[in-house]
Amino acid sequence: MKPYLVRLMYQCAATPQYQEQWRFILADDAHCAYSKATHIGLHEGRHTQSPWQFRSVTGMLLLDENADGAECLAQVQQHTNTEKMEQQLQQQQAALLAHIAEEKYRMLQV
């Protein structure tokens, strides 16, 4: 089994909102990973009253030793209050480091 990072897209039935999810999938090959991700997308919401409807699988990255350091997601964000954003970044980093120090955060080994 090979590890894949797969992008699933959902649309909210009540609004024009879309949700992007990145899922870790184990599969024999890319075709199987795509099928498994599609199955998850189609069947996951059927057991809840979620307004989110699965739209498609739109991205896939094979995670192997050659993927070390590969870009999985990049976003450009514009903030009018950069001081507040810097505070949030520092708080998020401190929380992550605290979890690592407490051994509550576990890295997935691929």
PDB file of N, CA and C in Angstrom:
ATOM      1  N   MET A   1       0.845  -1.184   0.000  1.00  0.00           N
ATOM      2  CA  MET A   1       0.000   0.000   0.000  1.00  0.00           C
ATOM      3  C   MET A   1       0.887   1.242   0.000  1.00  0.00           C
ATOM      4  N   LYS A   2       0.446   2.224  -0.770  1.00  0.00           N
ATOM      5  CA  LYS A   2       1.175   3.479  -0.876  1.00  0.00           C
ATOM      6  C   LYS A   2       0.341   4.594  -0.235  1.00  0.00           C
ATOM      7  N   PRO A   3       1.004   5.561   0.393  1.00  0.00           N
ATOM      8  CA  PRO A   3       0.281   6.677   1.007  1.00  0.00           C
ATOM      9  C   PRO A   3       0.063   7.820   0.006  1.00  0.00           C
ATOM     10  N   TYR A   4      -1.166   8.304  -0.052  1.00  0.00           N
ATOM     11  CA  TYR A   4      -1.527   9.426  -0.919  1.00  0.00           C
ATOM     12  C   TYR A   4      -2.174  10.518  -0.075  1.00  0.00           C
ATOM     13  N   LEU A   5      -1.965  11.748  -0.472  1.00  0.00           N
ATOM     14  CA  LEU A   5      -2.690  12.882   0.073  1.00  0.00           C
ATOM     15  C   LEU A   5      -3.657  13.311  -1.025  1.00  0.00           C
ATOM     16  N   VAL A   6      -4.969  13.279  -0.730  1.00  0.00           N
ATOM     17  CA  VAL A   6      -5.992  13.468  -1.755  1.00  0.00           C
ATOM     18  C   VAL A   6      -6.884  14.651  -1.376  1.00  0.00           C
ATOM     19  N   ARG A   7      -7.201  15.480  -2.367  1.00  0.00           N
ATOM     20  CA  ARG A   7      -8.049  16.657  -2.162  1.00  0.00           C
ATOM     21  C   ARG A   7      -9.482  16.341  -2.585  1.00  0.00           C
ATOM     22  N   LEU A   8     -10.430  16.508  -1.648  1.00  0.00           N
ATOM     23  CA  LEU A   8     -11.850  16.331  -1.907  1.00  0.00           C
ATOM     24  C   LEU A   8     -12.540  17.682  -1.792  1.00  0.00           C
ATOM     25  N   MET A   9     -13.504  17.929  -2.673  1.00  0.00           N
ATOM     26  CA  MET A   9     -14.251  19.186  -2.637  1.00  0.00           C
ATOM     27  C   MET A   9     -15.722  18.910  -2.350  1.00  0.00           C
ATOM     28  N   TYR A  10     -16.291  19.747  -1.483  1.00  0.00           N
ATOM     29  CA  TYR A  10     -17.701  19.656  -1.104  1.00  0.00           C
ATOM     30  C   TYR A  10     -18.356  21.009  -1.335  1.00  0.00           C
ATOM     31  N   GLN A  11     -19.680  20.999  -1.548  1.00  0.00           N
ATOM     32  CA  GLN A  11     -20.441  22.227  -1.686  1.00  0.00           C
ATOM     33  C   GLN A  11     -21.572  22.205  -0.672  1.00  0.00           C
ATOM     34  N   CYS A  12     -21.797  23.353  -0.048  1.00  0.00           N
ATOM     35  CA  CYS A  12     -22.908  23.475   0.900  1.00  0.00           C
ATOM     36  C   CYS A  12     -24.201  23.621   0.110  1.00  0.00           C
ATOM     37  N   ALA A  13     -25.197  22.812   0.463  1.00  0.00           N
ATOM     38  CA  ALA A  13     -26.466  22.828  -0.270  1.00  0.00           C
ATOM     39  C   ALA A  13     -27.226  24.126  -0.057  1.00  0.00           C
ATOM     40  N   ALA A  14     -27.039  24.782   1.078  1.00  0.00           N
ATOM     41  CA  ALA A  14     -27.828  25.964   1.422  1.00  0.00           C
ATOM     42  C   ALA A  14     -27.163  27.285   1.012  1.00  0.00           C
ATOM     43  N   THR A  15     -25.875  27.268   0.718  1.00  0.00           N
ATOM     44  CA  THR A  15     -25.151  28.506   0.405  1.00  0.00           C
ATOM     45  C   THR A  15     -24.189  28.236  -0.749  1.00  0.00           C
ATOM     46  N   PRO A  16     -23.578  29.279  -1.303  1.00  0.00           N
ATOM     47  CA  PRO A  16     -22.590  29.076  -2.373  1.00  0.00           C
ATOM     48  C   PRO A  16     -21.188  28.780  -1.822  1.00  0.00           C
ATOM     49  N   GLN A  17     -21.103  28.174  -0.648  1.00  0.00           N
ATOM     50  CA  GLN A  17     -19.815  27.874  -0.034  1.00  0.00           C
ATOM     51  C   GLN A  17     -19.289  26.519  -0.504  1.00  0.00           C
ATOM     52  N   TYR A  18     -17.974  26.454  -0.602  1.00  0.00           N
ATOM     53  CA  TYR A  18     -17.290  25.202  -0.921  1.00  0.00           C
ATOM     54  C   TYR A  18     -16.315  24.872   0.190  1.00  0.00           C
ATOM     55  N   GLN A  19     -16.144  23.595   0.434  1.00  0.00           N
ATOM     56  CA  GLN A  19     -15.193  23.136   1.445  1.00  0.00           C
ATOM     57  C   GLN A  19     -14.141  22.266   0.773  1.00  0.00           C
ATOM     58  N   GLU A  20     -12.901  22.518   1.115  1.00  0.00           N
ATOM     59  CA  GLU A  20     -11.778  21.732   0.617  1.00  0.00           C
ATOM     60  C   GLU A  20     -11.264  20.863   1.756  1.00  0.00           C
ATOM     61  N   GLN A  21     -11.124  19.577   1.513  1.00  0.00           N
ATOM     62  CA  GLN A  21     -10.573  18.658   2.513  1.00  0.00           C
ATOM     63  C   GLN A  21      -9.394  17.915   1.900  1.00  0.00           C
ATOM     64  N   TRP A  22      -8.338  17.769   2.657  1.00  0.00           N
ATOM     65  CA  TRP A  22      -7.199  16.949   2.252  1.00  0.00           C
ATOM     66  C   TRP A  22      -7.220  15.717   3.136  1.00  0.00           C
ATOM     67  N   ARG A  23      -7.241  14.542   2.526  1.00  0.00           N
ATOM     68  CA  ARG A  23      -7.343  13.276   3.247  1.00  0.00           C
ATOM     69  C   ARG A  23      -6.119  12.405   2.974  1.00  0.00           C
ATOM     70  N   PHE A  24      -5.709  11.685   3.983  1.00  0.00           N
ATOM     71  CA  PHE A  24      -4.649  10.692   3.867  1.00  0.00           C
ATOM     72  C   PHE A  24      -5.301   9.379   3.469  1.00  0.00           C
ATOM     73  N   ILE A  25      -4.843   8.800   2.353  1.00  0.00           N
ATOM     74  CA  ILE A  25      -5.429   7.561   1.808  1.00  0.00           C
ATOM     75  C   ILE A  25      -4.313   6.549   1.567  1.00  0.00           C
ATOM     76  N   LEU A  26      -4.528   5.312   1.985  1.00  0.00           N
ATOM     77  CA  LEU A  26      -3.615   4.215   1.655  1.00  0.00           C
ATOM     78  C   LEU A  26      -4.239   3.405   0.531  1.00  0.00           C
ATOM     79  N   ALA A  27      -3.469   3.191  -0.549  1.00  0.00           N
ATOM     80  CA  ALA A  27      -3.999   2.448  -1.691  1.00  0.00           C
ATOM     81  C   ALA A  27      -2.848   1.816  -2.473  1.00  0.00           C
ATOM     82  N   ASP A  28      -3.187   0.831  -3.291  1.00  0.00           N
ATOM     83  CA  ASP A  28      -2.180   0.144  -4.096  1.00  0.00           C
ATOM     84  C   ASP A  28      -1.618   1.015  -5.210  1.00  0.00           C
ATOM     85  N   ASP A  29      -2.472   1.893  -5.784  1.00  0.00           N
ATOM     86  CA  ASP A  29      -2.028   2.762  -6.869  1.00  0.00           C
ATOM     87  C   ASP A  29      -2.930   3.991  -6.912  1.00  0.00           C
ATOM     88  N   ALA A  30      -2.637   4.910  -7.844  1.00  0.00           N
ATOM     89  CA  ALA A  30      -3.385   6.157  -7.936  1.00  0.00           C
ATOM     90  C   ALA A  30      -4.858   5.920  -8.266  1.00  0.00           C
ATOM     91  N   HIS A  31      -5.138   4.964  -9.140  1.00  0.00           N
ATOM     92  CA  HIS A  31      -6.530   4.667  -9.484  1.00  0.00           C
ATOM     93  C   HIS A  31      -7.307   4.209  -8.251  1.00  0.00           C
ATOM     94  N   CYS A  32      -6.714   3.321  -7.468  1.00  0.00           N
ATOM     95  CA  CYS A  32      -7.375   2.837  -6.244  1.00  0.00           C
ATOM     96  C   CYS A  32      -7.539   3.972  -5.229  1.00  0.00           C
ATOM     97  N   ALA A  33      -6.542   4.851  -5.129  1.00  0.00           N
ATOM     98  CA  ALA A  33      -6.638   5.987  -4.213  1.00  0.00           C
ATOM     99  C   ALA A  33      -7.780   6.912  -4.618  1.00  0.00           C
ATOM    100  N   TYR A  34      -7.917   7.165  -5.920  1.00  0.00           N
ATOM    101  CA  TYR A  34      -8.999   7.993  -6.433  1.00  0.00           C
ATOM    102  C   TYR A  34     -10.356   7.351  -6.119  1.00  0.00           C
ATOM    103  N   SER A  35     -10.473   6.064  -6.371  1.00  0.00           N
ATOM    104  CA  SER A  35     -11.735   5.355  -6.105  1.00  0.00           C
ATOM    105  C   SER A  35     -12.077   5.379  -4.620  1.00  0.00           C
ATOM    106  N   LYS A  36     -11.086   5.155  -3.777  1.00  0.00           N
ATOM    107  CA  LYS A  36     -11.315   5.141  -2.334  1.00  0.00           C
ATOM    108  C   LYS A  36     -11.730   6.530  -1.845  1.00  0.00           C
ATOM    109  N   ALA A  37     -11.067   7.574  -2.353  1.00  0.00           N
ATOM    110  CA  ALA A  37     -11.413   8.941  -1.965  1.00  0.00           C
ATOM    111  C   ALA A  37     -12.828   9.294  -2.420  1.00  0.00           C
ATOM    112  N   THR A  38     -13.187   8.890  -3.623  1.00  0.00           N
ATOM    113  CA  THR A  38     -14.534   9.131  -4.135  1.00  0.00           C
ATOM    114  C   THR A  38     -15.572   8.417  -3.274  1.00  0.00           C
ATOM    115  N   HIS A  39     -15.291   7.184  -2.907  1.00  0.00           N
ATOM    116  CA  HIS A  39     -16.192   6.422  -2.033  1.00  0.00           C
ATOM    117  C   HIS A  39     -16.376   7.149  -0.698  1.00  0.00           C
ATOM    118  N   ILE A  40     -15.279   7.605  -0.122  1.00  0.00           N
ATOM    119  CA  ILE A  40     -15.359   8.341   1.148  1.00  0.00           C
ATOM    120  C   ILE A  40     -16.218   9.587   0.967  1.00  0.00           C
ATOM    121  N   GLY A  41     -15.950  10.349  -0.084  1.00  0.00           N
ATOM    122  CA  GLY A  41     -16.702  11.575  -0.324  1.00  0.00           C
ATOM    123  C   GLY A  41     -18.192  11.336  -0.500  1.00  0.00           C
ATOM    124  N   LEU A  42     -18.543  10.298  -1.246  1.00  0.00           N
ATOM    125  CA  LEU A  42     -19.955  10.010  -1.514  1.00  0.00           C
ATOM    126  C   LEU A  42     -20.686   9.451  -0.306  1.00  0.00           C
ATOM    127  N   HIS A  43     -20.011   8.639   0.495  1.00  0.00           N
ATOM    128  CA  HIS A  43     -20.703   7.909   1.560  1.00  0.00           C
ATOM    129  C   HIS A  43     -20.581   8.536   2.937  1.00  0.00           C
ATOM    130  N   GLU A  44     -19.611   9.389   3.153  1.00  0.00           N
ATOM    131  CA  GLU A  44     -19.397   9.935   4.489  1.00  0.00           C
ATOM    132  C   GLU A  44     -20.584  10.761   4.977  1.00  0.00           C
ATOM    133  N   GLY A  45     -21.136  11.602   4.135  1.00  0.00           N
ATOM    134  CA  GLY A  45     -22.229  12.480   4.543  1.00  0.00           C
ATOM    135  C   GLY A  45     -23.591  11.819   4.619  1.00  0.00           C
ATOM    136  N   ARG A  46     -23.717  10.613   4.137  1.00  0.00           N
ATOM    137  CA  ARG A  46     -25.027   9.949   4.111  1.00  0.00           C
ATOM    138  C   ARG A  46     -25.550   9.578   5.497  1.00  0.00           C
ATOM    139  N   HIS A  47     -24.646   9.489   6.470  1.00  0.00           N
ATOM    140  CA  HIS A  47     -25.053   9.066   7.810  1.00  0.00           C
ATOM    141  C   HIS A  47     -25.268  10.249   8.745  1.00  0.00           C
ATOM    142  N   THR A  48     -25.177  11.462   8.206  1.00  0.00           N
ATOM    143  CA  THR A  48     -25.384  12.664   9.022  1.00  0.00           C
ATOM    144  C   THR A  48     -26.370  13.576   8.309  1.00  0.00           C
ATOM    145  N   GLN A  49     -26.768  14.620   8.986  1.00  0.00           N
ATOM    146  CA  GLN A  49     -27.654  15.626   8.411  1.00  0.00           C
ATOM    147  C   GLN A  49     -26.839  16.799   7.860  1.00  0.00           C
ATOM    148  N   SER A  50     -25.665  16.515   7.368  1.00  0.00           N
ATOM    149  CA  SER A  50     -24.748  17.544   6.882  1.00  0.00           C
ATOM    150  C   SER A  50     -25.300  18.225   5.625  1.00  0.00           C
ATOM    151  N   PRO A  51     -25.170  19.563   5.563  1.00  0.00           N
ATOM    152  CA  PRO A  51     -25.581  20.268   4.342  1.00  0.00           C
ATOM    153  C   PRO A  51     -24.526  20.183   3.231  1.00  0.00           C
ATOM    154  N   TRP A  52     -23.392  19.574   3.514  1.00  0.00           N
ATOM    155  CA  TRP A  52     -22.306  19.500   2.551  1.00  0.00           C
ATOM    156  C   TRP A  52     -22.488  18.320   1.609  1.00  0.00           C
ATOM    157  N   GLN A  53     -22.361  18.590   0.312  1.00  0.00           N
ATOM    158  CA  GLN A  53     -22.491  17.547  -0.704  1.00  0.00           C
ATOM    159  C   GLN A  53     -21.144  17.371  -1.405  1.00  0.00           C
ATOM    160  N   PHE A  54     -20.745  16.135  -1.554  1.00  0.00           N
ATOM    161  CA  PHE A  54     -19.495  15.837  -2.236  1.00  0.00           C
ATOM    162  C   PHE A  54     -19.592  16.242  -3.699  1.00  0.00           C
ATOM    163  N   ARG A  55     -18.544  16.922  -4.203  1.00  0.00           N
ATOM    164  CA  ARG A  55     -18.506  17.343  -5.602  1.00  0.00           C
ATOM    165  C   ARG A  55     -17.514  16.530  -6.407  1.00  0.00           C
ATOM    166  N   SER A  56     -16.250  16.433  -5.920  1.00  0.00           N
ATOM    167  CA  SER A  56     -15.246  15.708  -6.708  1.00  0.00           C
ATOM    168  C   SER A  56     -13.935  15.551  -5.957  1.00  0.00           C
ATOM    169  N   VAL A  57     -13.114  14.659  -6.492  1.00  0.00           N
ATOM    170  CA  VAL A  57     -11.710  14.538  -6.075  1.00  0.00           C
ATOM    171  C   VAL A  57     -10.928  15.376  -7.079  1.00  0.00           C
ATOM    172  N   THR A  58     -10.165  16.349  -6.594  1.00  0.00           N
ATOM    173  CA  THR A  58      -9.527  17.301  -7.514  1.00  0.00           C
ATOM    174  C   THR A  58      -8.010  17.363  -7.404  1.00  0.00           C
ATOM    175  N   GLY A  59      -7.424  16.576  -6.528  1.00  0.00           N
ATOM    176  CA  GLY A  59      -5.977  16.601  -6.418  1.00  0.00           C
ATOM    177  C   GLY A  59      -5.463  15.373  -5.698  1.00  0.00           C
ATOM    178  N   MET A  60      -4.222  14.999  -6.016  1.00  0.00           N
ATOM    179  CA  MET A  60      -3.643  13.810  -5.400  1.00  0.00           C
ATOM    180  C   MET A  60      -2.120  13.924  -5.410  1.00  0.00           C
ATOM    181  N   LEU A  61      -1.508  13.543  -4.318  1.00  0.00           N
ATOM    182  CA  LEU A  61      -0.057  13.555  -4.215  1.00  0.00           C
ATOM    183  C   LEU A  61       0.398  12.237  -3.595  1.00  0.00           C
ATOM    184  N   LEU A  62       1.248  11.520  -4.292  1.00  0.00           N
ATOM    185  CA  LEU A  62       1.834  10.296  -3.745  1.00  0.00           C
ATOM    186  C   LEU A  62       2.895  10.696  -2.735  1.00  0.00           C
ATOM    187  N   LEU A  63       2.772  10.179  -1.530  1.00  0.00           N
ATOM    188  CA  LEU A  63       3.742  10.478  -0.484  1.00  0.00           C
ATOM    189  C   LEU A  63       4.743   9.337  -0.399  1.00  0.00           C
ATOM    190  N   ASP A  64       5.950   9.601  -0.793  1.00  0.00           N
ATOM    191  CA  ASP A  64       7.021   8.622  -0.651  1.00  0.00           C
ATOM    192  C   ASP A  64       8.285   9.372  -0.258  1.00  0.00           C
ATOM    193  N   GLU A  65       9.391   8.682  -0.215  1.00  0.00           N
ATOM    194  CA  GLU A  65      10.627   9.334   0.218  1.00  0.00           C
ATOM    195  C   GLU A  65      11.011  10.492  -0.699  1.00  0.00           C
ATOM    196  N   ASN A  66      10.566  10.473  -1.939  1.00  0.00           N
ATOM    197  CA  ASN A  66      10.855  11.572  -2.860  1.00  0.00           C
ATOM    198  C   ASN A  66       9.952  12.780  -2.620  1.00  0.00           C
ATOM    199  N   ALA A  67       8.902  12.621  -1.825  1.00  0.00           N
ATOM    200  CA  ALA A  67       7.979  13.713  -1.550  1.00  0.00           C
ATOM    201  C   ALA A  67       8.406  14.543  -0.344  1.00  0.00           C
ATOM    202  N   ASP A  68       9.502  14.185   0.286  1.00  0.00           N
ATOM    203  CA  ASP A  68       9.964  14.922   1.456  1.00  0.00           C
ATOM    204  C   ASP A  68      10.144  16.393   1.105  1.00  0.00           C
ATOM    205  N   GLY A  69       9.402  17.247   1.762  1.00  0.00           N
ATOM    206  CA  GLY A  69       9.482  18.675   1.513  1.00  0.00           C
ATOM    207  C   GLY A  69       8.592  19.173   0.389  1.00  0.00           C
ATOM    208  N   ALA A  70       7.828  18.273  -0.240  1.00  0.00           N
ATOM    209  CA  ALA A  70       6.953  18.680  -1.342  1.00  0.00           C
ATOM    210  C   ALA A  70       5.845  19.588  -0.830  1.00  0.00           C
ATOM    211  N   GLU A  71       5.490  20.581  -1.636  1.00  0.00           N
ATOM    212  CA  GLU A  71       4.417  21.495  -1.273  1.00  0.00           C
ATOM    213  C   GLU A  71       3.076  20.799  -1.450  1.00  0.00           C
ATOM    214  N   CYS A  72       2.278  20.789  -0.391  1.00  0.00           N
ATOM    215  CA  CYS A  72       0.952  20.174  -0.442  1.00  0.00           C
ATOM    216  C   CYS A  72      -0.140  21.221  -0.584  1.00  0.00           C
ATOM    217  N   LEU A  73       0.069  22.375   0.004  1.00  0.00           N
ATOM    218  CA  LEU A  73      -0.944  23.410  -0.022  1.00  0.00           C
ATOM    219  C   LEU A  73      -0.271  24.758   0.158  1.00  0.00           C
ATOM    220  N   ALA A  74      -0.649  25.726  -0.629  1.00  0.00           N
ATOM    221  CA  ALA A  74      -0.158  27.095  -0.493  1.00  0.00           C
ATOM    222  C   ALA A  74      -1.342  28.032  -0.657  1.00  0.00           C
ATOM    223  N   GLN A  75      -1.445  29.005   0.220  1.00  0.00           N
ATOM    224  CA  GLN A  75      -2.527  29.975   0.149  1.00  0.00           C
ATOM    225  C   GLN A  75      -1.952  31.366   0.340  1.00  0.00           C
ATOM    226  N   VAL A  76      -2.490  32.319  -0.364  1.00  0.00           N
ATOM    227  CA  VAL A  76      -2.146  33.722  -0.154  1.00  0.00           C
ATOM    228  C   VAL A  76      -3.300  34.344   0.602  1.00  0.00           C
ATOM    229  N   GLN A  77      -2.984  34.946   1.738  1.00  0.00           N
ATOM    230  CA  GLN A  77      -4.007  35.586   2.552  1.00  0.00           C
ATOM    231  C   GLN A  77      -3.656  37.054   2.717  1.00  0.00           C
ATOM    232  N   GLN A  78      -4.649  37.886   2.655  1.00  0.00           N
ATOM    233  CA  GLN A  78      -4.442  39.316   2.851  1.00  0.00           C
ATOM    234  C   GLN A  78      -5.096  39.709   4.157  1.00  0.00           C
ATOM    235  N   HIS A  79      -4.337  40.348   5.027  1.00  0.00           N
ATOM    236  CA  HIS A  79      -4.855  40.766   6.326  1.00  0.00           C
ATOM    237  C   HIS A  79      -4.602  42.262   6.503  1.00  0.00           C
ATOM    238  N   THR A  80      -5.595  42.945   6.971  1.00  0.00           N
ATOM    239  CA  THR A  80      -5.431  44.372   7.208  1.00  0.00           C
ATOM    240  C   THR A  80      -4.730  44.640   8.535  1.00  0.00           C
ATOM    241  N   ASN A  81      -4.813  43.685   9.465  1.00  0.00           N
ATOM    242  CA  ASN A  81      -4.182  43.849  10.769  1.00  0.00           C
ATOM    243  C   ASN A  81      -3.045  42.836  10.884  1.00  0.00           C
ATOM    244  N   THR A  82      -1.885  43.189  10.354  1.00  0.00           N
ATOM    245  CA  THR A  82      -0.756  42.251  10.344  1.00  0.00           C
ATOM    246  C   THR A  82      -0.229  41.981  11.753  1.00  0.00           C
ATOM    247  N   GLU A  83      -0.377  42.933  12.646  1.00  0.00           N
ATOM    248  CA  GLU A  83       0.073  42.727  14.030  1.00  0.00           C
ATOM    249  C   GLU A  83      -0.731  41.607  14.691  1.00  0.00           C
ATOM    250  N   LYS A  84      -2.049  41.625  14.490  1.00  0.00           N
ATOM    251  CA  LYS A  84      -2.912  40.576  15.036  1.00  0.00           C
ATOM    252  C   LYS A  84      -2.579  39.226  14.405  1.00  0.00           C
ATOM    253  N   MET A  85      -2.322  39.213  13.098  1.00  0.00           N
ATOM    254  CA  MET A  85      -1.973  37.969  12.404  1.00  0.00           C
ATOM    255  C   MET A  85      -0.669  37.405  12.954  1.00  0.00           C
ATOM    256  N   GLU A  86       0.315  38.254  13.188  1.00  0.00           N
ATOM    257  CA  GLU A  86       1.586  37.789  13.755  1.00  0.00           C
ATOM    258  C   GLU A  86       1.381  37.197  15.144  1.00  0.00           C
ATOM    259  N   GLN A  87       0.503  37.781  15.939  1.00  0.00           N
ATOM    260  CA  GLN A  87       0.186  37.233  17.263  1.00  0.00           C
ATOM    261  C   GLN A  87      -0.450  35.857  17.139  1.00  0.00           C
ATOM    262  N   GLN A  88      -1.372  35.707  16.194  1.00  0.00           N
ATOM    263  CA  GLN A  88      -2.016  34.411  15.980  1.00  0.00           C
ATOM    264  C   GLN A  88      -0.998  33.357  15.546  1.00  0.00           C
ATOM    265  N   LEU A  89      -0.088  33.723  14.654  1.00  0.00           N
ATOM    266  CA  LEU A  89       0.947  32.787  14.203  1.00  0.00           C
ATOM    267  C   LEU A  89       1.822  32.343  15.375  1.00  0.00           C
ATOM    268  N   GLN A  90       2.194  33.280  16.221  1.00  0.00           N
ATOM    269  CA  GLN A  90       3.029  32.949  17.380  1.00  0.00           C
ATOM    270  C   GLN A  90       2.278  32.049  18.355  1.00  0.00           C
ATOM    271  N   GLN A  91       0.987  32.316  18.551  1.00  0.00           N
ATOM    272  CA  GLN A  91       0.179  31.482  19.442  1.00  0.00           C
ATOM    273  C   GLN A  91       0.039  30.062  18.889  1.00  0.00           C
ATOM    274  N   GLN A  92      -0.189  29.945  17.580  1.00  0.00           N
ATOM    275  CA  GLN A  92      -0.325  28.634  16.959  1.00  0.00           C
ATOM    276  C   GLN A  92       0.985  27.856  17.049  1.00  0.00           C
ATOM    277  N   GLN A  93       2.099  28.530  16.823  1.00  0.00           N
ATOM    278  CA  GLN A  93       3.399  27.875  16.917  1.00  0.00           C
ATOM    279  C   GLN A  93       3.671  27.415  18.345  1.00  0.00           C
ATOM    280  N   ALA A  94       3.365  28.260  19.319  1.00  0.00           N
ATOM    281  CA  ALA A  94       3.587  27.905  20.722  1.00  0.00           C
ATOM    282  C   ALA A  94       2.729  26.700  21.116  1.00  0.00           C
ATOM    283  N   ALA A  95       1.478  26.676  20.649  1.00  0.00           N
ATOM    284  CA  ALA A  95       0.594  25.546  20.960  1.00  0.00           C
ATOM    285  C   ALA A  95       1.127  24.253  20.342  1.00  0.00           C
ATOM    286  N   LEU A  96       1.603  24.325  19.104  1.00  0.00           N
ATOM    287  CA  LEU A  96       2.160  23.146  18.445  1.00  0.00           C
ATOM    288  C   LEU A  96       3.386  22.641  19.203  1.00  0.00           C
ATOM    289  N   LEU A  97       4.283  23.541  19.548  1.00  0.00           N
ATOM    290  CA  LEU A  97       5.491  23.139  20.273  1.00  0.00           C
ATOM    291  C   LEU A  97       5.154  22.554  21.644  1.00  0.00           C
ATOM    292  N   ALA A  98       4.112  23.070  22.289  1.00  0.00           N
ATOM    293  CA  ALA A  98       3.678  22.517  23.577  1.00  0.00           C
ATOM    294  C   ALA A  98       3.168  21.093  23.400  1.00  0.00           C
ATOM    295  N   HIS A  99       2.402  20.853  22.350  1.00  0.00           N
ATOM    296  CA  HIS A  99       1.905  19.492  22.075  1.00  0.00           C
ATOM    297  C   HIS A  99       3.054  18.538  21.783  1.00  0.00           C
ATOM    298  N   ILE A 100       4.029  19.011  21.030  1.00  0.00           N
ATOM    299  CA  ILE A 100       5.176  18.158  20.720  1.00  0.00           C
ATOM    300  C   ILE A 100       5.936  17.840  21.995  1.00  0.00           C
ATOM    301  N   ALA A 101       6.138  18.839  22.826  1.00  0.00           N
ATOM    302  CA  ALA A 101       6.865  18.646  24.081  1.00  0.00           C
ATOM    303  C   ALA A 101       6.137  17.677  25.008  1.00  0.00           C
ATOM    304  N   GLU A 102       4.828  17.683  24.960  1.00  0.00           N
ATOM    305  CA  GLU A 102       4.030  16.792  25.810  1.00  0.00           C
ATOM    306  C   GLU A 102       3.809  15.428  25.164  1.00  0.00           C
ATOM    307  N   GLU A 103       4.352  15.243  23.992  1.00  0.00           N
ATOM    308  CA  GLU A 103       4.221  14.003  23.224  1.00  0.00           C
ATOM    309  C   GLU A 103       2.769  13.656  22.920  1.00  0.00           C
ATOM    310  N   LYS A 104       1.927  14.686  22.836  1.00  0.00           N
ATOM    311  CA  LYS A 104       0.533  14.468  22.457  1.00  0.00           C
ATOM    312  C   LYS A 104       0.370  14.545  20.954  1.00  0.00           C
ATOM    313  N   TYR A 105       1.323  15.182  20.312  1.00  0.00           N
ATOM    314  CA  TYR A 105       1.267  15.333  18.861  1.00  0.00           C
ATOM    315  C   TYR A 105       2.066  14.191  18.249  1.00  0.00           C
ATOM    316  N   ARG A 106       1.465  13.470  17.364  1.00  0.00           N
ATOM    317  CA  ARG A 106       2.148  12.331  16.738  1.00  0.00           C
ATOM    318  C   ARG A 106       2.235  12.555  15.239  1.00  0.00           C
ATOM    319  N   MET A 107       3.423  12.436  14.752  1.00  0.00           N
ATOM    320  CA  MET A 107       3.629  12.597  13.329  1.00  0.00           C
ATOM    321  C   MET A 107       3.306  11.268  12.639  1.00  0.00           C
ATOM    322  N   LEU A 108       2.662  11.342  11.493  1.00  0.00           N
ATOM    323  CA  LEU A 108       2.440  10.141  10.694  1.00  0.00           C
ATOM    324  C   LEU A 108       3.744   9.775  10.019  1.00  0.00           C
ATOM    325  N   GLN A 109       4.170   8.563  10.168  1.00  0.00           N
ATOM    326  CA  GLN A 109       5.392   8.121   9.499  1.00  0.00           C
ATOM    327  C   GLN A 109       5.009   7.391   8.232  1.00  0.00           C
ATOM    328  N   VAL A 110       5.563   7.873   7.174  1.00  0.00           N
ATOM    329  CA  VAL A 110       5.231   7.330   5.861  1.00  0.00           C
ATOM    330  C   VAL A 110       6.401   6.525   5.333  1.00  0.00           C
TER     331      VAL A 110
END
